[in-house]
Amino acid sequence: MSQRDLVDLRDALRAFAAARDWDSYHTPKNLVMALSGEVGELTDLFQWLTPEEAEDAMKDPELAWNVRDELADVMHYLTRLADKLGVDLIEASFAKIERNERRFPTGSLTPVPVEKGEL
């Protein structure tokens, strides 16, 4: 894992967009649409692979390069969207893990209902 963090990435993406005067185009709607497109491009890389081929994707240099590139695009748009919406992705992610710990207790295959507004 990198020593850089999500704040560094957020700040770099802000600067990148500002330098190109793209901030006005980075609305939540546009960012969600771009994120969806990038997830589609990532999906395309795995669509026809067998489960075994998908597991070994990073052993193929060309596929590995494309996977890293698409994952970066997904991360960029997700980070930019969270920034625009004022969502702390790390806090939201840990809150989701905590909810899932309660919702999917170990040893049980049946989910426990969790209220939508509960964080």
N, C-alpha and C. Protein backbone atom coordinates (compact mmCIF):
# COMPACT_ATOMS: atom_id res chain seq x y z
N MET A 1 0.83 -1.19 0.00
CA MET A 1 0.00 0.00 0.00
C MET A 1 0.88 1.25 0.00
N SER A 2 0.36 2.26 -0.58
CA SER A 2 1.08 3.53 -0.70
C SER A 2 1.10 4.27 0.64
N GLN A 3 2.11 5.09 0.81
CA GLN A 3 2.17 5.95 2.00
C GLN A 3 1.26 7.17 1.84
N ARG A 4 0.87 7.45 0.62
CA ARG A 4 -0.05 8.57 0.39
C ARG A 4 -1.44 8.15 0.81
N ASP A 5 -2.29 9.13 1.12
CA ASP A 5 -3.62 8.79 1.59
C ASP A 5 -4.70 9.45 0.74
N LEU A 6 -5.93 9.24 1.16
CA LEU A 6 -7.08 9.73 0.41
C LEU A 6 -7.12 11.26 0.36
N VAL A 7 -6.63 11.91 1.38
CA VAL A 7 -6.58 13.37 1.38
C VAL A 7 -5.62 13.86 0.29
N ASP A 8 -4.47 13.19 0.17
CA ASP A 8 -3.52 13.54 -0.90
C ASP A 8 -4.16 13.37 -2.27
N LEU A 9 -4.88 12.28 -2.44
CA LEU A 9 -5.54 12.02 -3.73
C LEU A 9 -6.62 13.07 -3.98
N ARG A 10 -7.44 13.33 -2.98
CA ARG A 10 -8.49 14.34 -3.14
C ARG A 10 -7.90 15.68 -3.54
N ASP A 11 -6.83 16.08 -2.85
CA ASP A 11 -6.21 17.37 -3.14
C ASP A 11 -5.60 17.40 -4.54
N ALA A 12 -4.99 16.31 -4.96
CA ALA A 12 -4.41 16.24 -6.31
C ALA A 12 -5.51 16.32 -7.37
N LEU A 13 -6.63 15.65 -7.13
CA LEU A 13 -7.74 15.69 -8.09
C LEU A 13 -8.38 17.07 -8.13
N ARG A 14 -8.49 17.72 -6.98
CA ARG A 14 -9.00 19.10 -6.96
C ARG A 14 -8.10 20.01 -7.80
N ALA A 15 -6.80 19.88 -7.59
CA ALA A 15 -5.84 20.73 -8.31
C ALA A 15 -5.88 20.44 -9.81
N PHE A 16 -5.97 19.17 -10.17
CA PHE A 16 -6.04 18.77 -11.57
C PHE A 16 -7.26 19.39 -12.24
N ALA A 17 -8.41 19.28 -11.60
CA ALA A 17 -9.65 19.83 -12.16
C ALA A 17 -9.59 21.36 -12.22
N ALA A 18 -9.08 21.97 -11.18
CA ALA A 18 -9.00 23.44 -11.13
C ALA A 18 -8.08 23.98 -12.22
N ALA A 19 -6.95 23.32 -12.45
CA ALA A 19 -5.98 23.77 -13.45
C ALA A 19 -6.57 23.74 -14.86
N ARG A 20 -7.57 22.91 -15.07
CA ARG A 20 -8.19 22.77 -16.39
C ARG A 20 -9.56 23.45 -16.46
N ASP A 21 -9.94 24.10 -15.35
CA ASP A 21 -11.23 24.77 -15.25
C ASP A 21 -12.38 23.77 -15.47
N TRP A 22 -12.24 22.58 -14.91
CA TRP A 22 -13.25 21.53 -15.06
C TRP A 22 -14.22 21.48 -13.88
N ASP A 23 -13.96 22.26 -12.84
CA ASP A 23 -14.77 22.13 -11.63
C ASP A 23 -16.26 22.29 -11.90
N SER A 24 -16.62 23.19 -12.80
CA SER A 24 -18.05 23.40 -13.07
C SER A 24 -18.69 22.17 -13.74
N TYR A 25 -17.88 21.34 -14.37
CA TYR A 25 -18.41 20.12 -15.00
C TYR A 25 -18.48 18.95 -14.01
N HIS A 26 -17.80 19.09 -12.90
CA HIS A 26 -17.75 18.01 -11.92
C HIS A 26 -18.91 18.12 -10.93
N THR A 27 -20.11 18.03 -11.48
CA THR A 27 -21.31 18.01 -10.65
C THR A 27 -21.53 16.58 -10.17
N PRO A 28 -22.25 16.40 -9.07
CA PRO A 28 -22.51 15.02 -8.63
C PRO A 28 -23.11 14.14 -9.74
N LYS A 29 -24.06 14.68 -10.48
CA LYS A 29 -24.69 13.90 -11.57
C LYS A 29 -23.65 13.47 -12.60
N ASN A 30 -22.83 14.41 -13.06
CA ASN A 30 -21.82 14.08 -14.06
C ASN A 30 -20.78 13.11 -13.52
N LEU A 31 -20.40 13.29 -12.27
CA LEU A 31 -19.39 12.39 -11.68
C LEU A 31 -19.94 10.98 -11.51
N VAL A 32 -21.21 10.85 -11.11
CA VAL A 32 -21.82 9.52 -11.00
C VAL A 32 -21.87 8.84 -12.36
N MET A 33 -22.24 9.60 -13.38
CA MET A 33 -22.30 9.03 -14.73
C MET A 33 -20.92 8.60 -15.20
N ALA A 34 -19.91 9.41 -14.96
CA ALA A 34 -18.54 9.06 -15.34
C ALA A 34 -18.05 7.85 -14.55
N LEU A 35 -18.37 7.81 -13.26
CA LEU A 35 -18.00 6.66 -12.42
C LEU A 35 -18.61 5.38 -12.95
N SER A 36 -19.88 5.46 -13.31
CA SER A 36 -20.57 4.29 -13.86
C SER A 36 -19.90 3.82 -15.15
N GLY A 37 -19.53 4.75 -15.99
CA GLY A 37 -18.85 4.39 -17.24
C GLY A 37 -17.52 3.71 -16.97
N GLU A 38 -16.77 4.21 -16.01
CA GLU A 38 -15.46 3.61 -15.69
C GLU A 38 -15.62 2.22 -15.07
N VAL A 39 -16.65 2.04 -14.25
CA VAL A 39 -16.92 0.71 -13.70
C VAL A 39 -17.27 -0.24 -14.84
N GLY A 40 -17.99 0.26 -15.84
CA GLY A 40 -18.30 -0.55 -17.01
C GLY A 40 -17.04 -0.96 -17.76
N GLU A 41 -16.09 -0.04 -17.89
CA GLU A 41 -14.83 -0.38 -18.56
C GLU A 41 -14.04 -1.42 -17.77
N LEU A 42 -14.08 -1.33 -16.45
CA LEU A 42 -13.43 -2.34 -15.61
C LEU A 42 -14.14 -3.68 -15.75
N THR A 43 -15.46 -3.64 -15.75
CA THR A 43 -16.25 -4.86 -15.93
C THR A 43 -15.92 -5.53 -17.25
N ASP A 44 -15.76 -4.74 -18.29
CA ASP A 44 -15.46 -5.27 -19.62
C ASP A 44 -14.18 -6.11 -19.61
N LEU A 45 -13.21 -5.72 -18.80
CA LEU A 45 -11.94 -6.46 -18.75
C LEU A 45 -12.12 -7.87 -18.19
N PHE A 46 -13.14 -8.06 -17.35
CA PHE A 46 -13.36 -9.35 -16.68
C PHE A 46 -14.54 -10.13 -17.23
N GLN A 47 -15.32 -9.50 -18.10
CA GLN A 47 -16.61 -10.06 -18.51
C GLN A 47 -16.55 -11.50 -18.98
N TRP A 48 -15.62 -11.85 -19.82
CA TRP A 48 -15.61 -13.18 -20.41
C TRP A 48 -14.51 -14.07 -19.83
N LEU A 49 -13.89 -13.64 -18.74
CA LEU A 49 -12.87 -14.47 -18.10
C LEU A 49 -13.53 -15.52 -17.23
N THR A 50 -12.88 -16.65 -17.13
CA THR A 50 -13.34 -17.66 -16.17
C THR A 50 -12.96 -17.16 -14.77
N PRO A 51 -13.54 -17.73 -13.73
CA PRO A 51 -13.12 -17.33 -12.38
C PRO A 51 -11.61 -17.50 -12.16
N GLU A 52 -11.05 -18.55 -12.73
CA GLU A 52 -9.61 -18.78 -12.59
C GLU A 52 -8.80 -17.72 -13.33
N GLU A 53 -9.23 -17.37 -14.54
CA GLU A 53 -8.54 -16.33 -15.31
C GLU A 53 -8.62 -14.98 -14.59
N ALA A 54 -9.76 -14.70 -13.99
CA ALA A 54 -9.93 -13.45 -13.26
C ALA A 54 -8.99 -13.40 -12.05
N GLU A 55 -8.84 -14.51 -11.36
CA GLU A 55 -7.91 -14.59 -10.23
C GLU A 55 -6.49 -14.29 -10.66
N ASP A 56 -6.14 -14.70 -11.86
CA ASP A 56 -4.77 -14.54 -12.37
C ASP A 56 -4.60 -13.30 -13.24
N ALA A 57 -5.57 -12.40 -13.23
CA ALA A 57 -5.56 -11.24 -14.12
C ALA A 57 -4.27 -10.43 -14.00
N MET A 58 -3.73 -10.30 -12.81
CA MET A 58 -2.56 -9.45 -12.61
C MET A 58 -1.26 -10.14 -13.04
N LYS A 59 -1.35 -11.38 -13.47
CA LYS A 59 -0.17 -12.07 -13.99
C LYS A 59 0.04 -11.80 -15.48
N ASP A 60 -0.99 -11.30 -16.14
CA ASP A 60 -0.91 -10.94 -17.56
C ASP A 60 -0.54 -9.46 -17.62
N PRO A 61 0.66 -9.11 -18.10
CA PRO A 61 1.11 -7.71 -18.04
C PRO A 61 0.15 -6.71 -18.70
N GLU A 62 -0.38 -7.04 -19.85
CA GLU A 62 -1.28 -6.10 -20.53
C GLU A 62 -2.60 -5.94 -19.78
N LEU A 63 -3.17 -7.06 -19.36
CA LEU A 63 -4.42 -7.01 -18.61
C LEU A 63 -4.20 -6.30 -17.28
N ALA A 64 -3.09 -6.59 -16.63
CA ALA A 64 -2.78 -5.96 -15.34
C ALA A 64 -2.70 -4.45 -15.48
N TRP A 65 -2.04 -3.99 -16.55
CA TRP A 65 -1.93 -2.55 -16.78
C TRP A 65 -3.31 -1.94 -16.95
N ASN A 66 -4.17 -2.59 -17.74
CA ASN A 66 -5.53 -2.09 -17.97
C ASN A 66 -6.37 -2.12 -16.70
N VAL A 67 -6.23 -3.16 -15.90
CA VAL A 67 -6.98 -3.25 -14.64
C VAL A 67 -6.57 -2.10 -13.72
N ARG A 68 -5.26 -1.89 -13.57
CA ARG A 68 -4.79 -0.79 -12.72
C ARG A 68 -5.31 0.56 -13.23
N ASP A 69 -5.27 0.73 -14.54
CA ASP A 69 -5.71 1.99 -15.14
C ASP A 69 -7.20 2.24 -14.88
N GLU A 70 -8.01 1.22 -15.06
CA GLU A 70 -9.46 1.38 -14.84
C GLU A 70 -9.78 1.53 -13.37
N LEU A 71 -9.09 0.79 -12.50
CA LEU A 71 -9.29 0.97 -11.06
C LEU A 71 -8.94 2.39 -10.64
N ALA A 72 -7.88 2.94 -11.23
CA ALA A 72 -7.52 4.32 -10.91
C ALA A 72 -8.62 5.28 -11.35
N ASP A 73 -9.18 5.07 -12.54
CA ASP A 73 -10.27 5.92 -13.01
C ASP A 73 -11.46 5.85 -12.05
N VAL A 74 -11.82 4.63 -11.62
CA VAL A 74 -12.93 4.45 -10.69
C VAL A 74 -12.63 5.19 -9.38
N MET A 75 -11.41 5.01 -8.89
CA MET A 75 -11.02 5.67 -7.64
C MET A 75 -11.06 7.19 -7.78
N HIS A 76 -10.60 7.69 -8.91
CA HIS A 76 -10.61 9.14 -9.13
C HIS A 76 -12.03 9.70 -9.11
N TYR A 77 -12.92 9.10 -9.86
CA TYR A 77 -14.29 9.61 -9.91
C TYR A 77 -15.01 9.42 -8.58
N LEU A 78 -14.78 8.30 -7.90
CA LEU A 78 -15.40 8.07 -6.60
C LEU A 78 -14.89 9.10 -5.58
N THR A 79 -13.60 9.34 -5.58
CA THR A 79 -13.02 10.31 -4.66
C THR A 79 -13.53 11.72 -4.96
N ARG A 80 -13.61 12.05 -6.22
CA ARG A 80 -14.08 13.39 -6.62
C ARG A 80 -15.56 13.56 -6.25
N LEU A 81 -16.37 12.52 -6.47
CA LEU A 81 -17.79 12.57 -6.11
C LEU A 81 -17.95 12.75 -4.60
N ALA A 82 -17.23 11.98 -3.82
CA ALA A 82 -17.31 12.11 -2.37
C ALA A 82 -16.90 13.50 -1.92
N ASP A 83 -15.86 14.04 -2.55
CA ASP A 83 -15.41 15.39 -2.22
C ASP A 83 -16.51 16.40 -2.50
N LYS A 84 -17.12 16.31 -3.67
CA LYS A 84 -18.17 17.25 -4.05
C LYS A 84 -19.38 17.15 -3.11
N LEU A 85 -19.67 15.96 -2.61
CA LEU A 85 -20.83 15.74 -1.74
C LEU A 85 -20.49 15.93 -0.26
N GLY A 86 -19.21 16.11 0.05
CA GLY A 86 -18.81 16.27 1.45
C GLY A 86 -18.86 14.98 2.24
N VAL A 87 -18.63 13.86 1.57
CA VAL A 87 -18.65 12.55 2.22
C VAL A 87 -17.22 12.11 2.51
N ASP A 88 -16.96 11.76 3.75
CA ASP A 88 -15.67 11.19 4.13
C ASP A 88 -15.74 9.70 3.81
N LEU A 89 -15.06 9.30 2.74
CA LEU A 89 -15.15 7.91 2.28
C LEU A 89 -14.64 6.91 3.32
N ILE A 90 -13.60 7.27 4.03
CA ILE A 90 -13.06 6.36 5.04
C ILE A 90 -14.07 6.16 6.16
N GLU A 91 -14.62 7.25 6.68
CA GLU A 91 -15.63 7.15 7.75
C GLU A 91 -16.87 6.40 7.27
N ALA A 92 -17.34 6.73 6.06
CA ALA A 92 -18.52 6.05 5.52
C ALA A 92 -18.26 4.55 5.34
N SER A 93 -17.06 4.21 4.90
CA SER A 93 -16.71 2.80 4.69
C SER A 93 -16.66 2.03 6.01
N PHE A 94 -16.05 2.62 7.03
CA PHE A 94 -16.00 1.95 8.32
C PHE A 94 -17.37 1.86 8.96
N ALA A 95 -18.20 2.88 8.77
CA ALA A 95 -19.58 2.83 9.27
C ALA A 95 -20.33 1.69 8.60
N LYS A 96 -20.10 1.51 7.31
CA LYS A 96 -20.77 0.42 6.57
C LYS A 96 -20.29 -0.94 7.07
N ILE A 97 -18.99 -1.07 7.32
CA ILE A 97 -18.47 -2.33 7.88
C ILE A 97 -19.14 -2.63 9.22
N GLU A 98 -19.26 -1.61 10.07
CA GLU A 98 -19.90 -1.80 11.38
C GLU A 98 -21.34 -2.25 11.23
N ARG A 99 -22.08 -1.61 10.30
CA ARG A 99 -23.47 -2.03 10.05
C ARG A 99 -23.51 -3.47 9.55
N ASN A 100 -22.60 -3.80 8.64
CA ASN A 100 -22.58 -5.16 8.11
C ASN A 100 -22.20 -6.19 9.16
N GLU A 101 -21.36 -5.79 10.13
CA GLU A 101 -21.03 -6.70 11.24
C GLU A 101 -22.29 -7.06 12.01
N ARG A 102 -23.17 -6.07 12.23
CA ARG A 102 -24.43 -6.33 12.92
C ARG A 102 -25.42 -7.06 12.02
N ARG A 103 -25.41 -6.70 10.77
CA ARG A 103 -26.38 -7.27 9.83
C ARG A 103 -26.07 -8.71 9.47
N PHE A 104 -24.80 -9.03 9.37
CA PHE A 104 -24.39 -10.38 8.98
C PHE A 104 -23.50 -10.98 10.07
N PRO A 105 -24.10 -11.36 11.21
CA PRO A 105 -23.29 -11.91 12.29
C PRO A 105 -22.63 -13.23 11.86
N THR A 106 -21.46 -13.48 12.41
CA THR A 106 -20.76 -14.72 12.07
C THR A 106 -21.60 -15.91 12.52
N GLY A 107 -21.54 -16.97 11.74
CA GLY A 107 -22.27 -18.19 12.07
C GLY A 107 -23.71 -18.18 11.62
N SER A 108 -24.17 -17.11 11.01
CA SER A 108 -25.56 -17.03 10.57
C SER A 108 -25.60 -16.69 9.09
N LEU A 109 -26.46 -17.38 8.36
CA LEU A 109 -26.62 -17.09 6.94
C LEU A 109 -27.77 -16.12 6.69
N THR A 110 -28.53 -15.80 7.74
CA THR A 110 -29.68 -14.92 7.60
C THR A 110 -29.33 -13.52 8.04
N PRO A 111 -29.49 -12.52 7.15
CA PRO A 111 -29.20 -11.13 7.55
C PRO A 111 -30.15 -10.64 8.63
N VAL A 112 -29.65 -9.78 9.49
CA VAL A 112 -30.45 -9.13 10.52
C VAL A 112 -30.85 -7.77 9.97
N PRO A 113 -32.15 -7.41 10.01
CA PRO A 113 -32.55 -6.10 9.47
C PRO A 113 -31.85 -4.95 10.19
N VAL A 114 -31.42 -3.97 9.42
CA VAL A 114 -30.81 -2.75 9.94
C VAL A 114 -31.57 -1.58 9.35
N GLU A 115 -31.88 -0.60 10.17
CA GLU A 115 -32.62 0.58 9.71
C GLU A 115 -31.78 1.35 8.71
N LYS A 116 -32.42 1.89 7.66
CA LYS A 116 -31.72 2.63 6.61
C LYS A 116 -30.93 3.82 7.15
N GLY A 117 -31.50 4.60 8.05
CA GLY A 117 -30.83 5.79 8.56
C GLY A 117 -29.76 5.50 9.60
N GLU A 118 -29.65 4.24 10.00
CA GLU A 118 -28.69 3.87 11.05
C GLU A 118 -27.27 3.83 10.49
N LEU A 119 -26.40 4.61 11.07
CA LEU A 119 -24.99 4.59 10.68
C LEU A 119 -24.21 4.11 11.81
